[in-house]
Amino acid sequence: MTFQNRRSAKWEARLDYEVGKLRNAQTYRELTLNRLKDLVGAPNEAELLRALAKRVSEGDLQVVYRVVSPWTQASLATYKSPLDVPDTMLDDSTGETIDIDRYRNVEPVYVSEVVGVQ
């Protein structure tokens, strides 16, 4: 086994461990992409996203999409699909209607169960 394969196996094993903790959680639990990056130490974000997408498509992991306020970073709403996110939304934290930028204001959140999504 080469060094690259050992390194890959280690971060993927840590990812599997975190996914297992989510799947077996007795209460609602969530991990953002940034938190997963910190926990598993993937070589880069692209590889981590590929590994997460594989686990989601295989049904081992659940993901929802959270809209966050561009001004306060408060959570505004959660959706099952990024395609369900509206173009505009009332930002309850500021009282203003905002345009939603799906690249800046929507974040994937990996969850133990899907609750309270629209």
Protein backbone atom coordinates (compact mmCIF):
# COMPACT_ATOMS: atom_id res chain seq x y z
CA MET A 1 0.00 0.00 0.00
CA THR A 2 1.43 3.36 -0.97
CA PHE A 3 1.55 6.38 1.31
CA GLN A 4 -1.26 8.06 -0.71
CA ASN A 5 -3.56 5.04 -0.26
CA ARG A 6 -2.86 4.88 3.50
CA ARG A 7 -3.61 8.59 3.87
CA SER A 8 -6.81 8.20 1.86
CA ALA A 9 -7.87 5.21 3.91
CA LYS A 10 -7.35 7.13 7.16
CA TRP A 11 -9.52 10.13 6.31
CA GLU A 12 -12.17 7.94 4.74
CA ALA A 13 -12.20 5.77 7.86
CA ARG A 14 -12.70 8.91 9.96
CA LEU A 15 -15.53 9.94 7.62
CA ASP A 16 -17.15 6.52 7.99
CA TYR A 17 -16.85 6.86 11.76
CA GLU A 18 -18.61 10.27 11.72
CA VAL A 19 -21.30 8.98 9.34
CA GLY A 20 -21.85 6.04 11.68
CA LYS A 21 -22.26 8.41 14.63
CA LEU A 22 -24.89 10.35 12.69
CA ARG A 23 -26.76 7.21 11.63
CA ASN A 24 -26.79 5.77 15.15
CA ALA A 25 -27.57 8.98 17.02
CA GLN A 26 -30.39 8.68 19.54
CA THR A 27 -31.27 12.37 19.10
CA TYR A 28 -31.07 14.83 16.24
CA ARG A 29 -27.48 15.58 15.27
CA GLU A 30 -26.00 17.55 12.41
CA LEU A 31 -22.64 18.30 10.84
CA THR A 32 -21.88 21.09 8.41
CA LEU A 33 -19.41 20.64 5.60
CA ASN A 34 -16.90 22.85 7.41
CA ARG A 35 -17.17 20.75 10.58
CA LEU A 36 -16.71 17.54 8.59
CA LYS A 37 -13.62 19.02 6.93
CA ASP A 38 -12.17 19.68 10.38
CA LEU A 39 -13.08 16.24 11.74
CA VAL A 40 -11.90 13.99 8.92
CA GLY A 41 -8.95 15.86 7.42
CA ALA A 42 -9.66 15.04 3.77
CA PRO A 43 -6.86 15.99 1.37
CA ASN A 44 -9.13 18.58 -0.29
CA GLU A 45 -12.74 19.69 -0.39
CA ALA A 46 -13.44 18.09 -3.79
CA GLU A 47 -12.50 14.61 -2.52
CA LEU A 48 -14.58 15.09 0.60
CA LEU A 49 -17.58 16.23 -1.45
CA ARG A 50 -17.24 13.18 -3.73
CA ALA A 51 -17.09 10.87 -0.72
CA LEU A 52 -20.11 12.55 0.89
CA ALA A 53 -22.11 12.44 -2.36
CA LYS A 54 -21.37 8.72 -2.66
CA ARG A 55 -22.64 8.07 0.87
CA VAL A 56 -25.76 10.18 0.28
CA SER A 57 -26.55 8.38 -3.00
CA GLU A 58 -26.10 5.00 -1.31
CA GLY A 59 -28.50 6.03 1.47
CA ASP A 60 -25.85 5.93 4.20
CA LEU A 61 -26.07 9.66 4.88
CA GLN A 62 -28.83 12.25 4.80
CA VAL A 63 -28.34 15.84 3.68
CA VAL A 64 -30.53 18.93 3.88
CA TYR A 65 -29.85 22.43 2.62
CA ARG A 66 -29.90 25.33 5.04
CA VAL A 67 -30.43 28.93 3.97
CA VAL A 68 -28.38 31.30 6.10
CA SER A 69 -28.70 35.05 6.41
CA PRO A 70 -25.95 36.88 4.51
CA TRP A 71 -25.88 39.50 7.26
CA THR A 72 -26.23 37.60 10.54
CA GLN A 73 -25.47 33.99 9.48
CA ALA A 74 -28.71 32.95 11.23
CA SER A 75 -30.48 29.88 9.87
CA LEU A 76 -33.56 30.99 7.93
CA ALA A 77 -34.98 27.73 6.55
CA THR A 78 -34.04 24.17 5.66
CA TYR A 79 -34.94 22.32 2.46
CA LYS A 80 -34.64 18.74 1.19
CA SER A 81 -33.18 19.89 -2.13
CA PRO A 82 -31.24 22.97 -3.20
CA LEU A 83 -33.75 23.23 -6.05
CA ASP A 84 -36.51 23.88 -3.48
CA VAL A 85 -34.79 27.02 -2.19
CA PRO A 86 -36.72 30.14 -3.30
CA ASP A 87 -35.04 33.03 -5.10
CA THR A 88 -36.04 35.48 -2.36
CA MET A 89 -36.90 35.07 1.30
CA LEU A 90 -37.73 37.12 4.36
CA ASP A 91 -34.67 37.30 6.58
CA ASP A 92 -36.28 37.04 10.02
CA SER A 93 -33.06 38.13 11.68
CA THR A 94 -33.07 41.52 9.92
CA GLY A 95 -36.70 41.91 8.84
CA GLU A 96 -35.66 42.43 5.21
CA THR A 97 -36.39 40.42 2.09
CA ILE A 98 -33.17 39.07 0.63
CA ASP A 99 -32.13 37.59 -2.70
CA ILE A 100 -30.83 34.07 -2.15
CA ASP A 101 -27.44 33.27 -3.67
CA ARG A 102 -27.35 29.46 -3.76
CA TYR A 103 -23.55 29.47 -3.68
CA ARG A 104 -23.19 31.82 -0.72
CA ASN A 105 -26.38 31.55 1.32
CA VAL A 106 -27.15 27.82 1.10
CA GLU A 107 -25.07 25.22 2.90
CA PRO A 108 -25.35 21.44 2.96
CA VAL A 109 -25.95 20.02 6.41
CA TYR A 110 -25.51 16.31 7.05
CA VAL A 111 -28.08 15.12 9.57
CA SER A 112 -29.06 12.11 11.67
CA GLU A 113 -32.67 12.46 10.53
CA VAL A 114 -34.60 14.80 8.29
CA VAL A 115 -36.87 16.91 10.50
CA GLY A 116 -38.51 20.27 9.95
CA VAL A 117 -37.59 20.64 6.28
CA GLN A 118 -39.77 22.32 3.69
